[in-house]
Amino acid sequence: MSALELADCINDLCPWSGDPVREDSLIEYGGDIVGFCNPGCRDKFEQAIRHFEKAKTSAERKSG
């Protein structure tokens, strides 16, 4: 996996705190690089993604 770079980040402020994003707190999501103010906020976002994807998969199974 290549290193994520702050220059490629689509946001300047953390969506959780509103603080400036940092290079050590980036994640790729939906083909974009999203930034957070610290690794804790990044990890919180990653966990929310996993919960959403699990719920989506469950709903698709029920309807299919």
PDB file of N, CA and C in Angstrom:
ATOM      1  N   MET A   1       0.849  -1.188   0.000  1.00  0.00           N
ATOM      2  CA  MET A   1       0.000   0.000   0.000  1.00  0.00           C
ATOM      3  C   MET A   1       0.887   1.242   0.000  1.00  0.00           C
ATOM      4  N   SER A   2       0.575   2.182  -0.865  1.00  0.00           N
ATOM      5  CA  SER A   2       1.374   3.394  -0.898  1.00  0.00           C
ATOM      6  C   SER A   2       0.979   4.322   0.244  1.00  0.00           C
ATOM      7  N   ALA A   3       1.902   5.167   0.615  1.00  0.00           N
ATOM      8  CA  ALA A   3       1.651   6.106   1.708  1.00  0.00           C
ATOM      9  C   ALA A   3       0.626   7.156   1.276  1.00  0.00           C
ATOM     10  N   LEU A   4      -0.260   7.493   2.170  1.00  0.00           N
ATOM     11  CA  LEU A   4      -1.245   8.540   1.915  1.00  0.00           C
ATOM     12  C   LEU A   4      -0.589   9.883   2.197  1.00  0.00           C
ATOM     13  N   GLU A   5      -0.900  10.869   1.371  1.00  0.00           N
ATOM     14  CA  GLU A   5      -0.270  12.180   1.522  1.00  0.00           C
ATOM     15  C   GLU A   5      -1.305  13.263   1.773  1.00  0.00           C
ATOM     16  N   LEU A   6      -0.945  14.178   2.645  1.00  0.00           N
ATOM     17  CA  LEU A   6      -1.825  15.284   3.015  1.00  0.00           C
ATOM     18  C   LEU A   6      -2.237  16.103   1.790  1.00  0.00           C
ATOM     19  N   ALA A   7      -1.348  16.240   0.824  1.00  0.00           N
ATOM     20  CA  ALA A   7      -1.650  17.017  -0.384  1.00  0.00           C
ATOM     21  C   ALA A   7      -2.805  16.416  -1.177  1.00  0.00           C
ATOM     22  N   ASP A   8      -3.070  15.124  -1.004  1.00  0.00           N
ATOM     23  CA  ASP A   8      -4.151  14.442  -1.726  1.00  0.00           C
ATOM     24  C   ASP A   8      -5.469  14.417  -0.959  1.00  0.00           C
ATOM     25  N   CYS A   9      -5.477  14.932   0.243  1.00  0.00           N
ATOM     26  CA  CYS A   9      -6.648  14.900   1.121  1.00  0.00           C
ATOM     27  C   CYS A   9      -7.746  15.830   0.589  1.00  0.00           C
ATOM     28  N   ILE A  10      -8.998  15.358   0.621  1.00  0.00           N
ATOM     29  CA  ILE A  10     -10.114  16.160   0.090  1.00  0.00           C
ATOM     30  C   ILE A  10     -10.664  17.172   1.096  1.00  0.00           C
ATOM     31  N   ASN A  11     -10.241  17.078   2.358  1.00  0.00           N
ATOM     32  CA  ASN A  11     -10.748  18.015   3.364  1.00  0.00           C
ATOM     33  C   ASN A  11      -9.595  18.624   4.152  1.00  0.00           C
ATOM     34  N   ASP A  12      -9.818  19.817   4.671  1.00  0.00           N
ATOM     35  CA  ASP A  12      -8.810  20.512   5.474  1.00  0.00           C
ATOM     36  C   ASP A  12      -9.070  20.379   6.971  1.00  0.00           C
ATOM     37  N   LEU A  13     -10.335  20.146   7.322  1.00  0.00           N
ATOM     38  CA  LEU A  13     -10.725  20.075   8.724  1.00  0.00           C
ATOM     39  C   LEU A  13     -11.305  18.706   9.048  1.00  0.00           C
ATOM     40  N   CYS A  14     -11.034  18.240  10.246  1.00  0.00           N
ATOM     41  CA  CYS A  14     -11.538  16.953  10.718  1.00  0.00           C
ATOM     42  C   CYS A  14     -13.063  17.004  10.799  1.00  0.00           C
ATOM     43  N   PRO A  15     -13.752  16.011  10.200  1.00  0.00           N
ATOM     44  CA  PRO A  15     -15.212  16.013  10.267  1.00  0.00           C
ATOM     45  C   PRO A  15     -15.757  15.792  11.677  1.00  0.00           C
ATOM     46  N   TRP A  16     -14.965  15.217  12.573  1.00  0.00           N
ATOM     47  CA  TRP A  16     -15.414  14.992  13.953  1.00  0.00           C
ATOM     48  C   TRP A  16     -15.189  16.224  14.817  1.00  0.00           C
ATOM     49  N   SER A  17     -13.992  16.821  14.748  1.00  0.00           N
ATOM     50  CA  SER A  17     -13.647  17.886  15.696  1.00  0.00           C
ATOM     51  C   SER A  17     -13.631  19.287  15.103  1.00  0.00           C
ATOM     52  N   GLY A  18     -13.449  19.381  13.787  1.00  0.00           N
ATOM     53  CA  GLY A  18     -13.306  20.693  13.156  1.00  0.00           C
ATOM     54  C   GLY A  18     -11.887  21.223  13.202  1.00  0.00           C
ATOM     55  N   ASP A  19     -10.962  20.457  13.789  1.00  0.00           N
ATOM     56  CA  ASP A  19      -9.557  20.850  13.851  1.00  0.00           C
ATOM     57  C   ASP A  19      -8.862  20.517  12.527  1.00  0.00           C
ATOM     58  N   PRO A  20      -7.727  21.143  12.240  1.00  0.00           N
ATOM     59  CA  PRO A  20      -6.992  20.844  11.007  1.00  0.00           C
ATOM     60  C   PRO A  20      -6.572  19.371  10.930  1.00  0.00           C
ATOM     61  N   VAL A  21      -6.579  18.820   9.721  1.00  0.00           N
ATOM     62  CA  VAL A  21      -6.179  17.431   9.531  1.00  0.00           C
ATOM     63  C   VAL A  21      -4.659  17.301   9.607  1.00  0.00           C
ATOM     64  N   ARG A  22      -4.219  16.088   9.943  1.00  0.00           N
ATOM     65  CA  ARG A  22      -2.782  15.801  10.049  1.00  0.00           C
ATOM     66  C   ARG A  22      -2.434  14.619   9.145  1.00  0.00           C
ATOM     67  N   GLU A  23      -1.207  14.613   8.673  1.00  0.00           N
ATOM     68  CA  GLU A  23      -0.767  13.569   7.743  1.00  0.00           C
ATOM     69  C   GLU A  23      -0.773  12.175   8.368  1.00  0.00           C
ATOM     70  N   ASP A  24      -0.626  12.093   9.687  1.00  0.00           N
ATOM     71  CA  ASP A  24      -0.630  10.774  10.341  1.00  0.00           C
ATOM     72  C   ASP A  24      -2.043  10.250  10.597  1.00  0.00           C
ATOM     73  N   SER A  25      -3.054  10.956  10.087  1.00  0.00           N
ATOM     74  CA  SER A  25      -4.446  10.603  10.384  1.00  0.00           C
ATOM     75  C   SER A  25      -5.302  10.574   9.122  1.00  0.00           C
ATOM     76  N   LEU A  26      -4.760   9.985   8.065  1.00  0.00           N
ATOM     77  CA  LEU A  26      -5.456   9.907   6.789  1.00  0.00           C
ATOM     78  C   LEU A  26      -5.973   8.503   6.546  1.00  0.00           C
ATOM     79  N   ILE A  27      -7.037   8.407   5.751  1.00  0.00           N
ATOM     80  CA  ILE A  27      -7.597   7.112   5.370  1.00  0.00           C
ATOM     81  C   ILE A  27      -8.157   7.247   3.954  1.00  0.00           C
ATOM     82  N   GLU A  28      -8.111   6.159   3.218  1.00  0.00           N
ATOM     83  CA  GLU A  28      -8.732   6.147   1.900  1.00  0.00           C
ATOM     84  C   GLU A  28     -10.162   5.642   2.055  1.00  0.00           C
ATOM     85  N   TYR A  29     -11.096   6.362   1.463  1.00  0.00           N
ATOM     86  CA  TYR A  29     -12.505   5.973   1.533  1.00  0.00           C
ATOM     87  C   TYR A  29     -13.179   6.358   0.220  1.00  0.00           C
ATOM     88  N   GLY A  30     -13.763   5.396  -0.434  1.00  0.00           N
ATOM     89  CA  GLY A  30     -14.477   5.657  -1.673  1.00  0.00           C
ATOM     90  C   GLY A  30     -13.606   6.236  -2.768  1.00  0.00           C
ATOM     91  N   GLY A  31     -12.325   5.895  -2.756  1.00  0.00           N
ATOM     92  CA  GLY A  31     -11.404   6.401  -3.758  1.00  0.00           C
ATOM     93  C   GLY A  31     -10.814   7.762  -3.436  1.00  0.00           C
ATOM     94  N   ASP A  32     -11.191   8.341  -2.308  1.00  0.00           N
ATOM     95  CA  ASP A  32     -10.669   9.641  -1.874  1.00  0.00           C
ATOM     96  C   ASP A  32      -9.839   9.482  -0.610  1.00  0.00           C
ATOM     97  N   ILE A  33      -8.949  10.429  -0.380  1.00  0.00           N
ATOM     98  CA  ILE A  33      -8.185  10.482   0.868  1.00  0.00           C
ATOM     99  C   ILE A  33      -8.909  11.451   1.790  1.00  0.00           C
ATOM    100  N   VAL A  34      -9.315  10.963   2.955  1.00  0.00           N
ATOM    101  CA  VAL A  34     -10.032  11.761   3.952  1.00  0.00           C
ATOM    102  C   VAL A  34      -9.104  11.946   5.149  1.00  0.00           C
ATOM    103  N   GLY A  35      -9.061  13.162   5.688  1.00  0.00           N
ATOM    104  CA  GLY A  35      -8.169  13.458   6.799  1.00  0.00           C
ATOM    105  C   GLY A  35      -8.894  13.732   8.098  1.00  0.00           C
ATOM    106  N   PHE A  36      -8.177  13.479   9.182  1.00  0.00           N
ATOM    107  CA  PHE A  36      -8.681  13.692  10.538  1.00  0.00           C
ATOM    108  C   PHE A  36      -7.603  14.381  11.358  1.00  0.00           C
ATOM    109  N   CYS A  37      -7.980  14.898  12.502  1.00  0.00           N
ATOM    110  CA  CYS A  37      -7.037  15.656  13.327  1.00  0.00           C
ATOM    111  C   CYS A  37      -6.101  14.765  14.136  1.00  0.00           C
ATOM    112  N   ASN A  38      -6.475  13.507  14.313  1.00  0.00           N
ATOM    113  CA  ASN A  38      -5.612  12.575  15.052  1.00  0.00           C
ATOM    114  C   ASN A  38      -6.016  11.146  14.687  1.00  0.00           C
ATOM    115  N   PRO A  39      -5.163  10.176  14.982  1.00  0.00           N
ATOM    116  CA  PRO A  39      -5.487   8.790  14.651  1.00  0.00           C
ATOM    117  C   PRO A  39      -6.763   8.275  15.318  1.00  0.00           C
ATOM    118  N   GLY A  40      -7.119   8.795  16.478  1.00  0.00           N
ATOM    119  CA  GLY A  40      -8.345   8.376  17.159  1.00  0.00           C
ATOM    120  C   GLY A  40      -9.590   8.725  16.354  1.00  0.00           C
ATOM    121  N   CYS A  41      -9.628   9.920  15.792  1.00  0.00           N
ATOM    122  CA  CYS A  41     -10.766  10.316  14.960  1.00  0.00           C
ATOM    123  C   CYS A  41     -10.799   9.478  13.687  1.00  0.00           C
ATOM    124  N   ARG A  42      -9.631   9.228  13.105  1.00  0.00           N
ATOM    125  CA  ARG A  42      -9.555   8.377  11.910  1.00  0.00           C
ATOM    126  C   ARG A  42     -10.098   6.985  12.218  1.00  0.00           C
ATOM    127  N   ASP A  43      -9.681   6.422  13.351  1.00  0.00           N
ATOM    128  CA  ASP A  43     -10.119   5.085  13.733  1.00  0.00           C
ATOM    129  C   ASP A  43     -11.617   5.051  14.023  1.00  0.00           C
ATOM    130  N   LYS A  44     -12.152   6.122  14.595  1.00  0.00           N
ATOM    131  CA  LYS A  44     -13.593   6.228  14.849  1.00  0.00           C
ATOM    132  C   LYS A  44     -14.355   6.191  13.523  1.00  0.00           C
ATOM    133  N   PHE A  45     -13.857   6.893  12.517  1.00  0.00           N
ATOM    134  CA  PHE A  45     -14.469   6.889  11.190  1.00  0.00           C
ATOM    135  C   PHE A  45     -14.396   5.499  10.568  1.00  0.00           C
ATOM    136  N   GLU A  46     -13.238   4.861  10.681  1.00  0.00           N
ATOM    137  CA  GLU A  46     -13.068   3.519  10.124  1.00  0.00           C
ATOM    138  C   GLU A  46     -14.036   2.528  10.774  1.00  0.00           C
ATOM    139  N   GLN A  47     -14.237   2.653  12.065  1.00  0.00           N
ATOM    140  CA  GLN A  47     -15.174   1.783  12.768  1.00  0.00           C
ATOM    141  C   GLN A  47     -16.611   2.053  12.301  1.00  0.00           C
ATOM    142  N   ALA A  48     -16.958   3.307  12.094  1.00  0.00           N
ATOM    143  CA  ALA A  48     -18.300   3.654  11.613  1.00  0.00           C
ATOM    144  C   ALA A  48     -18.529   3.063  10.222  1.00  0.00           C
ATOM    145  N   ILE A  49     -17.513   3.086   9.374  1.00  0.00           N
ATOM    146  CA  ILE A  49     -17.615   2.492   8.041  1.00  0.00           C
ATOM    147  C   ILE A  49     -17.908   1.002   8.160  1.00  0.00           C
ATOM    148  N   ARG A  50     -17.184   0.307   9.016  1.00  0.00           N
ATOM    149  CA  ARG A  50     -17.392  -1.135   9.183  1.00  0.00           C
ATOM    150  C   ARG A  50     -18.811  -1.442   9.646  1.00  0.00           C
ATOM    151  N   HIS A  51     -19.332  -0.658  10.582  1.00  0.00           N
ATOM    152  CA  HIS A  51     -20.706  -0.863  11.055  1.00  0.00           C
ATOM    153  C   HIS A  51     -21.713  -0.628   9.930  1.00  0.00           C
ATOM    154  N   PHE A  52     -21.497   0.417   9.146  1.00  0.00           N
ATOM    155  CA  PHE A  52     -22.391   0.714   8.037  1.00  0.00           C
ATOM    156  C   PHE A  52     -22.367  -0.406   7.007  1.00  0.00           C
ATOM    157  N   GLU A  53     -21.164  -0.859   6.633  1.00  0.00           N
ATOM    158  CA  GLU A  53     -21.049  -1.920   5.630  1.00  0.00           C
ATOM    159  C   GLU A  53     -21.685  -3.220   6.107  1.00  0.00           C
ATOM    160  N   LYS A  54     -21.556  -3.522   7.393  1.00  0.00           N
ATOM    161  CA  LYS A  54     -22.175  -4.723   7.953  1.00  0.00           C
ATOM    162  C   LYS A  54     -23.705  -4.609   7.885  1.00  0.00           C
ATOM    163  N   ALA A  55     -24.239  -3.454   8.246  1.00  0.00           N
ATOM    164  CA  ALA A  55     -25.689  -3.233   8.201  1.00  0.00           C
ATOM    165  C   ALA A  55     -26.191  -3.291   6.760  1.00  0.00           C
ATOM    166  N   LYS A  56     -25.434  -2.721   5.835  1.00  0.00           N
ATOM    167  CA  LYS A  56     -25.827  -2.724   4.424  1.00  0.00           C
ATOM    168  C   LYS A  56     -25.852  -4.155   3.885  1.00  0.00           C
ATOM    169  N   THR A  57     -24.837  -4.925   4.198  1.00  0.00           N
ATOM    170  CA  THR A  57     -24.770  -6.326   3.759  1.00  0.00           C
ATOM    171  C   THR A  57     -25.936  -7.123   4.316  1.00  0.00           C
ATOM    172  N   SER A  58     -26.252  -6.899   5.579  1.00  0.00           N
ATOM    173  CA  SER A  58     -27.374  -7.592   6.220  1.00  0.00           C
ATOM    174  C   SER A  58     -28.693  -7.238   5.536  1.00  0.00           C
ATOM    175  N   ALA A  59     -28.896  -5.978   5.227  1.00  0.00           N
ATOM    176  CA  ALA A  59     -30.124  -5.536   4.573  1.00  0.00           C
ATOM    177  C   ALA A  59     -30.237  -6.109   3.164  1.00  0.00           C
ATOM    178  N   GLU A  60     -29.116  -6.201   2.471  1.00  0.00           N
ATOM    179  CA  GLU A  60     -29.127  -6.750   1.116  1.00  0.00           C
ATOM    180  C   GLU A  60     -29.482  -8.238   1.151  1.00  0.00           C
ATOM    181  N   ARG A  61     -28.990  -8.950   2.152  1.00  0.00           N
ATOM    182  CA  ARG A  61     -29.310 -10.363   2.270  1.00  0.00           C
ATOM    183  C   ARG A  61     -30.806 -10.571   2.523  1.00  0.00           C
ATOM    184  N   LYS A  62     -31.377  -9.712   3.349  1.00  0.00           N
ATOM    185  CA  LYS A  62     -32.801  -9.834   3.674  1.00  0.00           C
ATOM    186  C   LYS A  62     -33.684  -9.542   2.470  1.00  0.00           C
ATOM    187  N   SER A  63     -33.266  -8.614   1.616  1.00  0.00           N
ATOM    188  CA  SER A  63     -34.089  -8.227   0.473  1.00  0.00           C
ATOM    189  C   SER A  63     -33.828  -9.087  -0.757  1.00  0.00           C
ATOM    190  N   GLY A  64     -32.725  -9.842  -0.757  1.00  0.00           N
ATOM    191  CA  GLY A  64     -32.341 -10.603  -1.944  1.00  0.00           C
ATOM    192  C   GLY A  64     -32.749 -11.996  -1.861  1.00  0.00           C
TER     193      GLY A  64
END
